[in-house]
Amino acid sequence: MTPWLRKRKVTRMRLAATLVTLAALATSLTACGQSKADSIVDKAKNEKKLTIGIKIDQPGLGLRKPDGTYAGFDVDVARYIAKELGVPESGITFKEAQSANREPFIQQGQVDMVIATYSITDERKEKVSFAGPYLVTGQDILIRADDDSITDVQSLKDKKVCGAQGSISPKRLADMFGPEWEAKNLTQQQGYGACLPLLENKQVDAISTDATILAGFAAQFPGKFKLVGKPFSTEKYGIGLKKDDKAGRDAINNALEKMFQDGSWRKFIDDNFGEFGKYFPTPPQLERY
């Protein structure tokens, strides 16, 4: 090989090495940039807008009213958090998040966070991140006001029950009573609002889910339904956001802590649950991680 060819080969090798280094650096910088941009904190700060998943058919928690506005405890919490992140109420877009859609909506970026009676579980933590809890309740049973045959969860073993698709509540009953009971006695609808007519018309004997949800429905129809009042689980409502968004999780937890301390949490409870607010005397302990 001539000196000229040798020199040319060395130059090419050096150029190739330089290009590889630059490509790696660009990839690293892009990844860092994406990580920062992916945080709800940065979106709130830069865009002053957030899309928040809520329930729209749960009185007292998340309800779309006839005039198109939204009300409920979860809605109040959502507005408070958004404000603390720098987003005015005019910058919030509420999107219906049914139980089965909550993880996919977060993972696909259709919403920035979900505040929709969203129980914190280890299984869900594999897919999304949680701030909170901001409310602790328990699974209970709603029945017709004239029905005295159901007194606790064991009474459901020979009853027809309605639950919501994607919710942990019907799964808990299925685990408790077995697959045969599930096939014969369990009906699942897209939301708990769809269960109410079935209960009223005696197509099912009970609706079972969180006491907060059931109390909200019962309060809308005085004299028609009643709460058994014997919860058999502990449900910790959390705020779902993209997995590993620690900055977002910390910021939302800070907002919740302020909400607990400045009296807003108590006001939201009393405004939305009325007489049932007595079942939620104090804010829960945040579980930071």
C-alpha atoms as a PDB file:
ATOM      1  CA  MET A   1       0.000   0.000   0.000  1.00  0.00           C
ATOM      2  CA  THR A   2       1.373   3.397  -0.945  1.00  0.00           C
ATOM      3  CA  PRO A   3       1.768   6.150   1.681  1.00  0.00           C
ATOM      4  CA  TRP A   4      -1.008   8.108  -0.024  1.00  0.00           C
ATOM      5  CA  LEU A   5      -3.470   5.190   0.180  1.00  0.00           C
ATOM      6  CA  ARG A   6      -2.462   4.490   3.770  1.00  0.00           C
ATOM      7  CA  LYS A   7      -3.088   8.129   4.716  1.00  0.00           C
ATOM      8  CA  ARG A   8      -6.450   8.105   2.925  1.00  0.00           C
ATOM      9  CA  LYS A   9      -7.530   4.943   4.791  1.00  0.00           C
ATOM     10  CA  VAL A  10      -6.598   6.443   8.166  1.00  0.00           C
ATOM     11  CA  THR A  11      -8.518   9.607   7.333  1.00  0.00           C
ATOM     12  CA  ARG A  12     -11.635   7.591   6.455  1.00  0.00           C
ATOM     13  CA  MET A  13     -11.396   5.598   9.689  1.00  0.00           C
ATOM     14  CA  ARG A  14     -11.095   8.781  11.730  1.00  0.00           C
ATOM     15  CA  LEU A  15     -14.059  10.329   9.894  1.00  0.00           C
ATOM     16  CA  ALA A  16     -16.168   7.220  10.500  1.00  0.00           C
ATOM     17  CA  ALA A  17     -15.307   7.241  14.202  1.00  0.00           C
ATOM     18  CA  THR A  18     -16.198  10.923  14.432  1.00  0.00           C
ATOM     19  CA  LEU A  19     -19.568  10.346  12.751  1.00  0.00           C
ATOM     20  CA  VAL A  20     -20.377   7.471  15.115  1.00  0.00           C
ATOM     21  CA  THR A  21     -19.541   9.673  18.108  1.00  0.00           C
ATOM     22  CA  LEU A  22     -21.673  12.543  16.811  1.00  0.00           C
ATOM     23  CA  ALA A  23     -24.588  10.192  16.125  1.00  0.00           C
ATOM     24  CA  ALA A  24     -24.403   8.782  19.638  1.00  0.00           C
ATOM     25  CA  LEU A  25     -24.270  12.288  21.100  1.00  0.00           C
ATOM     26  CA  ALA A  26     -27.271  13.386  19.036  1.00  0.00           C
ATOM     27  CA  THR A  27     -29.243  10.340  20.158  1.00  0.00           C
ATOM     28  CA  SER A  28     -28.371  11.046  23.777  1.00  0.00           C
ATOM     29  CA  LEU A  29     -29.377  14.686  23.517  1.00  0.00           C
ATOM     30  CA  THR A  30     -32.625  13.758  21.775  1.00  0.00           C
ATOM     31  CA  ALA A  31     -33.455  11.223  24.472  1.00  0.00           C
ATOM     32  CA  CYS A  32     -32.778  13.808  27.163  1.00  0.00           C
ATOM     33  CA  GLY A  33     -34.943  16.308  25.361  1.00  0.00           C
ATOM     34  CA  GLN A  34     -37.763  13.831  24.975  1.00  0.00           C
ATOM     35  CA  SER A  35     -37.556  12.854  28.638  1.00  0.00           C
ATOM     36  CA  LYS A  36     -37.931  16.476  29.680  1.00  0.00           C
ATOM     37  CA  ALA A  37     -40.699  17.193  27.200  1.00  0.00           C
ATOM     38  CA  ASP A  38     -42.566  14.078  28.294  1.00  0.00           C
ATOM     39  CA  SER A  39     -43.060  15.416  31.823  1.00  0.00           C
ATOM     40  CA  ILE A  40     -46.468  16.849  32.539  1.00  0.00           C
ATOM     41  CA  VAL A  41     -44.681  19.628  34.420  1.00  0.00           C
ATOM     42  CA  ASP A  42     -42.998  20.911  31.254  1.00  0.00           C
ATOM     43  CA  LYS A  43     -46.141  20.675  29.156  1.00  0.00           C
ATOM     44  CA  ALA A  44     -48.119  22.601  31.746  1.00  0.00           C
ATOM     45  CA  LYS A  45     -45.434  25.267  32.014  1.00  0.00           C
ATOM     46  CA  ASN A  46     -44.812  25.680  28.296  1.00  0.00           C
ATOM     47  CA  GLU A  47     -48.252  25.180  26.772  1.00  0.00           C
ATOM     48  CA  LYS A  48     -50.548  26.209  29.638  1.00  0.00           C
ATOM     49  CA  LYS A  49     -52.834  23.377  28.553  1.00  0.00           C
ATOM     50  CA  LEU A  50     -53.643  19.898  29.862  1.00  0.00           C
ATOM     51  CA  THR A  51     -55.986  17.105  28.809  1.00  0.00           C
ATOM     52  CA  ILE A  52     -57.371  15.316  31.851  1.00  0.00           C
ATOM     53  CA  GLY A  53     -59.257  12.025  31.830  1.00  0.00           C
ATOM     54  CA  ILE A  54     -62.298  11.905  34.111  1.00  0.00           C
ATOM     55  CA  LYS A  55     -65.499   9.953  34.508  1.00  0.00           C
ATOM     56  CA  ILE A  56     -68.547  11.763  33.127  1.00  0.00           C
ATOM     57  CA  ASP A  57     -71.354   9.531  34.454  1.00  0.00           C
ATOM     58  CA  GLN A  58     -70.599   9.384  38.178  1.00  0.00           C
ATOM     59  CA  PRO A  59     -72.535  11.908  40.298  1.00  0.00           C
ATOM     60  CA  GLY A  60     -70.451  13.399  43.090  1.00  0.00           C
ATOM     61  CA  LEU A  61     -67.185  12.393  41.395  1.00  0.00           C
ATOM     62  CA  GLY A  62     -67.196  13.126  37.684  1.00  0.00           C
ATOM     63  CA  LEU A  63     -70.346  14.166  35.853  1.00  0.00           C
ATOM     64  CA  ARG A  64     -71.031  16.000  32.598  1.00  0.00           C
ATOM     65  CA  LYS A  65     -74.059  18.190  33.188  1.00  0.00           C
ATOM     66  CA  PRO A  66     -76.722  18.960  30.558  1.00  0.00           C
ATOM     67  CA  ASP A  67     -75.108  22.336  29.837  1.00  0.00           C
ATOM     68  CA  GLY A  68     -71.814  20.617  28.945  1.00  0.00           C
ATOM     69  CA  THR A  69     -69.920  21.650  32.071  1.00  0.00           C
ATOM     70  CA  TYR A  70     -68.352  19.189  34.503  1.00  0.00           C
ATOM     71  CA  ALA A  71     -68.801  18.726  38.238  1.00  0.00           C
ATOM     72  CA  GLY A  72     -67.682  16.401  41.001  1.00  0.00           C
ATOM     73  CA  PHE A  73     -64.930  15.768  43.497  1.00  0.00           C
ATOM     74  CA  ASP A  74     -62.493  14.453  40.879  1.00  0.00           C
ATOM     75  CA  VAL A  75     -63.213  17.484  38.694  1.00  0.00           C
ATOM     76  CA  ASP A  76     -62.495  19.865  41.568  1.00  0.00           C
ATOM     77  CA  VAL A  77     -59.247  18.032  42.319  1.00  0.00           C
ATOM     78  CA  ALA A  78     -58.270  18.173  38.637  1.00  0.00           C
ATOM     79  CA  ARG A  79     -58.807  21.932  38.457  1.00  0.00           C
ATOM     80  CA  TYR A  80     -56.846  22.489  41.650  1.00  0.00           C
ATOM     81  CA  ILE A  81     -53.863  20.463  40.451  1.00  0.00           C
ATOM     82  CA  ALA A  82     -53.896  22.089  37.019  1.00  0.00           C
ATOM     83  CA  LYS A  83     -53.836  25.522  38.626  1.00  0.00           C
ATOM     84  CA  GLU A  84     -50.892  24.540  40.818  1.00  0.00           C
ATOM     85  CA  LEU A  85     -49.041  23.364  37.693  1.00  0.00           C
ATOM     86  CA  GLY A  86     -49.672  26.723  36.039  1.00  0.00           C
ATOM     87  CA  VAL A  87     -52.666  25.840  33.855  1.00  0.00           C
ATOM     88  CA  PRO A  88     -55.794  28.026  34.081  1.00  0.00           C
ATOM     89  CA  GLU A  89     -59.243  26.456  33.974  1.00  0.00           C
ATOM     90  CA  SER A  90     -59.612  27.665  30.387  1.00  0.00           C
ATOM     91  CA  GLY A  91     -56.588  25.538  29.465  1.00  0.00           C
ATOM     92  CA  ILE A  92     -58.130  22.267  30.682  1.00  0.00           C
ATOM     93  CA  THR A  93     -59.714  19.824  28.261  1.00  0.00           C
ATOM     94  CA  PHE A  94     -61.706  17.123  30.008  1.00  0.00           C
ATOM     95  CA  LYS A  95     -61.910  13.759  28.222  1.00  0.00           C
ATOM     96  CA  GLU A  96     -64.074  10.825  29.233  1.00  0.00           C
ATOM     97  CA  ALA A  97     -61.945   7.999  30.603  1.00  0.00           C
ATOM     98  CA  GLN A  98     -63.919   4.818  31.090  1.00  0.00           C
ATOM     99  CA  SER A  99     -62.453   2.229  33.419  1.00  0.00           C
ATOM    100  CA  ALA A 100     -61.125   0.060  30.589  1.00  0.00           C
ATOM    101  CA  ASN A 101     -59.484   3.015  28.802  1.00  0.00           C
ATOM    102  CA  ARG A 102     -57.478   4.613  31.575  1.00  0.00           C
ATOM    103  CA  GLU A 103     -54.102   2.914  31.059  1.00  0.00           C
ATOM    104  CA  PRO A 104     -54.279   3.010  27.229  1.00  0.00           C
ATOM    105  CA  PHE A 105     -55.186   6.712  27.243  1.00  0.00           C
ATOM    106  CA  ILE A 106     -52.147   7.513  29.398  1.00  0.00           C
ATOM    107  CA  GLN A 107     -49.789   5.271  27.455  1.00  0.00           C
ATOM    108  CA  GLN A 108     -50.959   6.603  24.078  1.00  0.00           C
ATOM    109  CA  GLY A 109     -50.753  10.230  25.180  1.00  0.00           C
ATOM    110  CA  GLN A 110     -54.467  10.861  24.662  1.00  0.00           C
ATOM    111  CA  VAL A 111     -54.538  12.387  28.147  1.00  0.00           C
ATOM    112  CA  ASP A 112     -51.873  13.950  30.347  1.00  0.00           C
ATOM    113  CA  MET A 113     -53.310  12.528  33.552  1.00  0.00           C
ATOM    114  CA  VAL A 114     -56.315  10.559  34.737  1.00  0.00           C
ATOM    115  CA  ILE A 115     -58.381  11.513  37.783  1.00  0.00           C
ATOM    116  CA  ALA A 116     -61.243   9.075  37.513  1.00  0.00           C
ATOM    117  CA  THR A 117     -61.861   6.960  40.638  1.00  0.00           C
ATOM    118  CA  TYR A 118     -58.577   5.282  39.685  1.00  0.00           C
ATOM    119  CA  SER A 119     -57.513   2.769  42.358  1.00  0.00           C
ATOM    120  CA  ILE A 120     -53.763   2.424  42.897  1.00  0.00           C
ATOM    121  CA  THR A 121     -52.627  -1.186  42.434  1.00  0.00           C
ATOM    122  CA  ASP A 122     -49.255  -2.850  41.911  1.00  0.00           C
ATOM    123  CA  GLU A 123     -50.486  -4.283  38.618  1.00  0.00           C
ATOM    124  CA  ARG A 124     -51.383  -0.840  37.297  1.00  0.00           C
ATOM    125  CA  LYS A 125     -48.061   0.570  38.482  1.00  0.00           C
ATOM    126  CA  GLU A 126     -46.421  -1.691  35.916  1.00  0.00           C
ATOM    127  CA  LYS A 127     -48.066   0.401  33.191  1.00  0.00           C
ATOM    128  CA  VAL A 128     -48.497   3.910  34.607  1.00  0.00           C
ATOM    129  CA  SER A 129     -47.310   6.109  37.443  1.00  0.00           C
ATOM    130  CA  PHE A 130     -49.454   7.298  40.356  1.00  0.00           C
ATOM    131  CA  ALA A 131     -49.538  10.384  42.541  1.00  0.00           C
ATOM    132  CA  GLY A 132     -51.632  10.341  45.697  1.00  0.00           C
ATOM    133  CA  PRO A 133     -53.763   8.857  47.033  1.00  0.00           C
ATOM    134  CA  TYR A 134     -56.129  11.810  47.305  1.00  0.00           C
ATOM    135  CA  LEU A 135     -59.109   9.793  48.607  1.00  0.00           C
ATOM    136  CA  VAL A 136     -59.529   6.407  50.285  1.00  0.00           C
ATOM    137  CA  THR A 137     -62.790   4.478  50.076  1.00  0.00           C
ATOM    138  CA  GLY A 138     -63.905   0.830  49.942  1.00  0.00           C
ATOM    139  CA  GLN A 139     -65.968  -1.479  47.769  1.00  0.00           C
ATOM    140  CA  ASP A 140     -69.585  -1.562  48.918  1.00  0.00           C
ATOM    141  CA  ILE A 141     -72.999  -2.618  47.583  1.00  0.00           C
ATOM    142  CA  LEU A 142     -75.939  -0.606  46.237  1.00  0.00           C
ATOM    143  CA  ILE A 143     -79.375  -2.242  46.294  1.00  0.00           C
ATOM    144  CA  ARG A 144     -83.015  -1.264  45.858  1.00  0.00           C
ATOM    145  CA  ALA A 145     -84.489   0.516  48.860  1.00  0.00           C
ATOM    146  CA  ASP A 146     -87.088  -2.225  49.452  1.00  0.00           C
ATOM    147  CA  ASP A 147     -84.573  -5.091  49.354  1.00  0.00           C
ATOM    148  CA  ASP A 148     -83.567  -6.473  52.754  1.00  0.00           C
ATOM    149  CA  SER A 149     -82.095  -9.735  51.461  1.00  0.00           C
ATOM    150  CA  ILE A 150     -78.586  -8.335  50.919  1.00  0.00           C
ATOM    151  CA  THR A 151     -76.765  -7.423  54.113  1.00  0.00           C
ATOM    152  CA  ASP A 152     -73.093  -7.974  53.243  1.00  0.00           C
ATOM    153  CA  VAL A 153     -70.832  -9.236  50.468  1.00  0.00           C
ATOM    154  CA  GLN A 154     -71.586 -12.898  51.220  1.00  0.00           C
ATOM    155  CA  SER A 155     -75.214 -12.213  50.386  1.00  0.00           C
ATOM    156  CA  LEU A 156     -74.151 -11.753  46.759  1.00  0.00           C
ATOM    157  CA  LYS A 157     -73.189 -15.374  46.209  1.00  0.00           C
ATOM    158  CA  ASP A 158     -76.664 -16.186  44.832  1.00  0.00           C
ATOM    159  CA  LYS A 159     -77.477 -12.706  43.446  1.00  0.00           C
ATOM    160  CA  LYS A 160     -77.053 -11.026  40.065  1.00  0.00           C
ATOM    161  CA  VAL A 161     -74.542  -8.168  40.221  1.00  0.00           C
ATOM    162  CA  CYS A 162     -73.585  -5.408  37.799  1.00  0.00           C
ATOM    163  CA  GLY A 163     -70.096  -3.932  37.469  1.00  0.00           C
ATOM    164  CA  ALA A 164     -68.057  -1.838  35.026  1.00  0.00           C
ATOM    165  CA  GLN A 165     -65.688  -3.228  32.416  1.00  0.00           C
ATOM    166  CA  GLY A 166     -62.056  -2.624  33.332  1.00  0.00           C
ATOM    167  CA  SER A 167     -62.858  -1.889  36.967  1.00  0.00           C
ATOM    168  CA  ILE A 168     -61.202  -3.899  39.714  1.00  0.00           C
ATOM    169  CA  SER A 169     -64.530  -4.228  41.581  1.00  0.00           C
ATOM    170  CA  PRO A 170     -66.185  -6.989  39.501  1.00  0.00           C
ATOM    171  CA  LYS A 171     -62.858  -8.828  39.339  1.00  0.00           C
ATOM    172  CA  ARG A 172     -62.729  -8.903  43.129  1.00  0.00           C
ATOM    173  CA  LEU A 173     -66.171 -10.519  43.280  1.00  0.00           C
ATOM    174  CA  ALA A 174     -65.252 -13.015  40.563  1.00  0.00           C
ATOM    175  CA  ASP A 175     -62.139 -13.996  42.510  1.00  0.00           C
ATOM    176  CA  MET A 176     -64.213 -14.348  45.650  1.00  0.00           C
ATOM    177  CA  PHE A 177     -67.050 -16.491  44.225  1.00  0.00           C
ATOM    178  CA  GLY A 178     -65.349 -18.275  41.318  1.00  0.00           C
ATOM    179  CA  PRO A 179     -65.680 -18.564  37.526  1.00  0.00           C
ATOM    180  CA  GLU A 180     -69.048 -20.328  37.612  1.00  0.00           C
ATOM    181  CA  TRP A 181     -70.561 -17.475  39.600  1.00  0.00           C
ATOM    182  CA  GLU A 182     -68.931 -14.955  37.255  1.00  0.00           C
ATOM    183  CA  ALA A 183     -70.437 -16.580  34.170  1.00  0.00           C
ATOM    184  CA  LYS A 184     -73.901 -16.889  35.676  1.00  0.00           C
ATOM    185  CA  ASN A 185     -74.282 -13.875  37.959  1.00  0.00           C
ATOM    186  CA  LEU A 186     -71.979 -11.075  36.843  1.00  0.00           C
ATOM    187  CA  THR A 187     -72.997  -8.489  34.246  1.00  0.00           C
ATOM    188  CA  GLN A 188     -70.442  -5.897  33.121  1.00  0.00           C
ATOM    189  CA  GLN A 189     -71.329  -2.595  31.457  1.00  0.00           C
ATOM    190  CA  GLN A 190     -69.184   0.229  30.058  1.00  0.00           C
ATOM    191  CA  GLY A 191     -69.836   2.341  33.138  1.00  0.00           C
ATOM    192  CA  TYR A 192     -71.701   2.210  36.427  1.00  0.00           C
ATOM    193  CA  GLY A 193     -74.278   4.638  35.079  1.00  0.00           C
ATOM    194  CA  ALA A 194     -75.396   1.872  32.713  1.00  0.00           C
ATOM    195  CA  CYS A 195     -75.886  -0.469  35.695  1.00  0.00           C
ATOM    196  CA  LEU A 196     -78.429   1.756  37.417  1.00  0.00           C
ATOM    197  CA  PRO A 197     -81.392   1.069  35.069  1.00  0.00           C
ATOM    198  CA  LEU A 198     -80.684  -2.653  35.359  1.00  0.00           C
ATOM    199  CA  LEU A 199     -80.930  -2.428  39.141  1.00  0.00           C
ATOM    200  CA  GLU A 200     -84.055  -0.278  39.039  1.00  0.00           C
ATOM    201  CA  ASN A 201     -85.764  -2.652  36.611  1.00  0.00           C
ATOM    202  CA  LYS A 202     -84.754  -5.732  38.652  1.00  0.00           C
ATOM    203  CA  GLN A 203     -82.548  -7.168  35.914  1.00  0.00           C
ATOM    204  CA  VAL A 204     -79.786  -7.300  38.522  1.00  0.00           C
ATOM    205  CA  ASP A 205     -80.006  -7.381  42.313  1.00  0.00           C
ATOM    206  CA  ALA A 206     -77.045  -5.162  43.165  1.00  0.00           C
ATOM    207  CA  ILE A 207     -74.279  -2.910  41.938  1.00  0.00           C
ATOM    208  CA  SER A 208     -70.949  -3.301  43.657  1.00  0.00           C
ATOM    209  CA  THR A 209     -68.075  -0.860  43.505  1.00  0.00           C
ATOM    210  CA  ASP A 210     -66.531   1.918  45.591  1.00  0.00           C
ATOM    211  CA  ALA A 211     -68.770   3.466  48.245  1.00  0.00           C
ATOM    212  CA  THR A 212     -68.060   6.946  46.868  1.00  0.00           C
ATOM    213  CA  ILE A 213     -69.455   6.025  43.448  1.00  0.00           C
ATOM    214  CA  LEU A 214     -72.485   4.265  44.876  1.00  0.00           C
ATOM    215  CA  ALA A 215     -73.247   7.083  47.321  1.00  0.00           C
ATOM    216  CA  GLY A 216     -73.172   9.602  44.494  1.00  0.00           C
ATOM    217  CA  PHE A 217     -75.749   7.646  42.528  1.00  0.00           C
ATOM    218  CA  ALA A 218     -77.965   6.983  45.547  1.00  0.00           C
ATOM    219  CA  ALA A 219     -78.049  10.693  46.386  1.00  0.00           C
ATOM    220  CA  GLN A 220     -79.463  11.463  42.917  1.00  0.00           C
ATOM    221  CA  PHE A 221     -82.510   9.260  43.442  1.00  0.00           C
ATOM    222  CA  PRO A 222     -83.809   9.705  47.003  1.00  0.00           C
ATOM    223  CA  GLY A 223     -85.830   6.774  48.224  1.00  0.00           C
ATOM    224  CA  LYS A 224     -85.016   4.409  45.325  1.00  0.00           C
ATOM    225  CA  PHE A 225     -81.715   2.891  46.414  1.00  0.00           C
ATOM    226  CA  LYS A 226     -79.679   2.359  49.531  1.00  0.00           C
ATOM    227  CA  LEU A 227     -76.087   1.607  50.435  1.00  0.00           C
ATOM    228  CA  VAL A 228     -75.462  -1.586  52.396  1.00  0.00           C
ATOM    229  CA  GLY A 229     -72.700   0.259  54.233  1.00  0.00           C
ATOM    230  CA  LYS A 230     -70.317  -2.648  54.817  1.00  0.00           C
ATOM    231  CA  PRO A 231     -67.217  -2.067  52.650  1.00  0.00           C
ATOM    232  CA  PHE A 232     -65.033  -5.111  52.076  1.00  0.00           C
ATOM    233  CA  SER A 233     -61.929  -3.576  50.544  1.00  0.00           C
ATOM    234  CA  THR A 234     -59.711  -0.514  50.676  1.00  0.00           C
ATOM    235  CA  GLU A 235     -59.498   1.573  47.504  1.00  0.00           C
ATOM    236  CA  LYS A 236     -56.873   4.283  47.264  1.00  0.00           C
ATOM    237  CA  TYR A 237     -57.721   6.765  44.515  1.00  0.00           C
ATOM    238  CA  GLY A 238     -54.620   7.975  42.715  1.00  0.00           C
ATOM    239  CA  ILE A 239     -53.805  10.278  39.841  1.00  0.00           C
ATOM    240  CA  GLY A 240     -52.464   8.346  36.874  1.00  0.00           C
ATOM    241  CA  LEU A 241     -49.790   9.739  34.569  1.00  0.00           C
ATOM    242  CA  LYS A 242     -47.048   8.431  32.301  1.00  0.00           C
ATOM    243  CA  LYS A 243     -44.865   5.783  33.842  1.00  0.00           C
ATOM    244  CA  ASP A 244     -41.530   7.058  35.219  1.00  0.00           C
ATOM    245  CA  ASP A 245     -42.562  10.732  35.073  1.00  0.00           C
ATOM    246  CA  LYS A 246     -41.119  11.348  38.531  1.00  0.00           C
ATOM    247  CA  ALA A 247     -41.043  15.109  38.100  1.00  0.00           C
ATOM    248  CA  GLY A 248     -44.742  15.087  37.313  1.00  0.00           C
ATOM    249  CA  ARG A 249     -45.539  12.716  40.147  1.00  0.00           C
ATOM    250  CA  ASP A 250     -43.658  14.863  42.664  1.00  0.00           C
ATOM    251  CA  ALA A 251     -45.281  18.080  41.446  1.00  0.00           C
ATOM    252  CA  ILE A 252     -48.780  16.607  41.674  1.00  0.00           C
ATOM    253  CA  ASN A 253     -48.094  15.211  45.145  1.00  0.00           C
ATOM    254  CA  ASN A 254     -46.939  18.663  46.234  1.00  0.00           C
ATOM    255  CA  ALA A 255     -50.192  20.121  44.897  1.00  0.00           C
ATOM    256  CA  LEU A 256     -52.215  17.475  46.753  1.00  0.00           C
ATOM    257  CA  GLU A 257     -50.375  18.171  49.987  1.00  0.00           C
ATOM    258  CA  LYS A 258     -51.224  21.864  49.662  1.00  0.00           C
ATOM    259  CA  MET A 259     -54.847  20.973  48.890  1.00  0.00           C
ATOM    260  CA  PHE A 260     -55.023  18.841  52.037  1.00  0.00           C
ATOM    261  CA  GLN A 261     -53.615  21.621  54.207  1.00  0.00           C
ATOM    262  CA  ASP A 262     -55.405  24.738  52.935  1.00  0.00           C
ATOM    263  CA  GLY A 263     -58.950  23.440  53.466  1.00  0.00           C
ATOM    264  CA  SER A 264     -59.732  22.848  49.788  1.00  0.00           C
ATOM    265  CA  TRP A 265     -59.925  19.061  50.176  1.00  0.00           C
ATOM    266  CA  ARG A 266     -62.521  19.344  52.963  1.00  0.00           C
ATOM    267  CA  LYS A 267     -64.558  21.834  50.937  1.00  0.00           C
ATOM    268  CA  PHE A 268     -64.540  19.585  47.856  1.00  0.00           C
ATOM    269  CA  ILE A 269     -65.707  16.622  49.970  1.00  0.00           C
ATOM    270  CA  ASP A 270     -68.582  18.543  51.557  1.00  0.00           C
ATOM    271  CA  ASP A 271     -69.631  20.192  48.286  1.00  0.00           C
ATOM    272  CA  ASN A 272     -69.846  16.921  46.383  1.00  0.00           C
ATOM    273  CA  PHE A 273     -70.880  14.251  48.887  1.00  0.00           C
ATOM    274  CA  GLY A 274     -73.140  16.201  51.245  1.00  0.00           C
ATOM    275  CA  GLU A 275     -74.302  13.923  54.067  1.00  0.00           C
ATOM    276  CA  PHE A 276     -71.941  11.187  52.868  1.00  0.00           C
ATOM    277  CA  GLY A 277     -68.945  13.454  53.487  1.00  0.00           C
ATOM    278  CA  LYS A 278     -68.875  12.197  57.066  1.00  0.00           C
ATOM    279  CA  TYR A 279     -67.412   8.936  55.781  1.00  0.00           C
ATOM    280  CA  PHE A 280     -64.286  10.815  54.684  1.00  0.00           C
ATOM    281  CA  PRO A 281     -63.210  12.751  57.787  1.00  0.00           C
ATOM    282  CA  THR A 282     -59.549  13.384  56.961  1.00  0.00           C
ATOM    283  CA  PRO A 283     -57.271  13.409  53.895  1.00  0.00           C
ATOM    284  CA  PRO A 284     -55.220  10.256  53.282  1.00  0.00           C
ATOM    285  CA  GLN A 285     -51.468   9.909  53.662  1.00  0.00           C
ATOM    286  CA  LEU A 286     -49.585  10.494  50.413  1.00  0.00           C
ATOM    287  CA  GLU A 287     -47.511   7.555  49.183  1.00  0.00           C
ATOM    288  CA  ARG A 288     -44.486   9.120  47.536  1.00  0.00           C
ATOM    289  CA  TYR A 289     -42.059   6.963  45.576  1.00  0.00           C
END
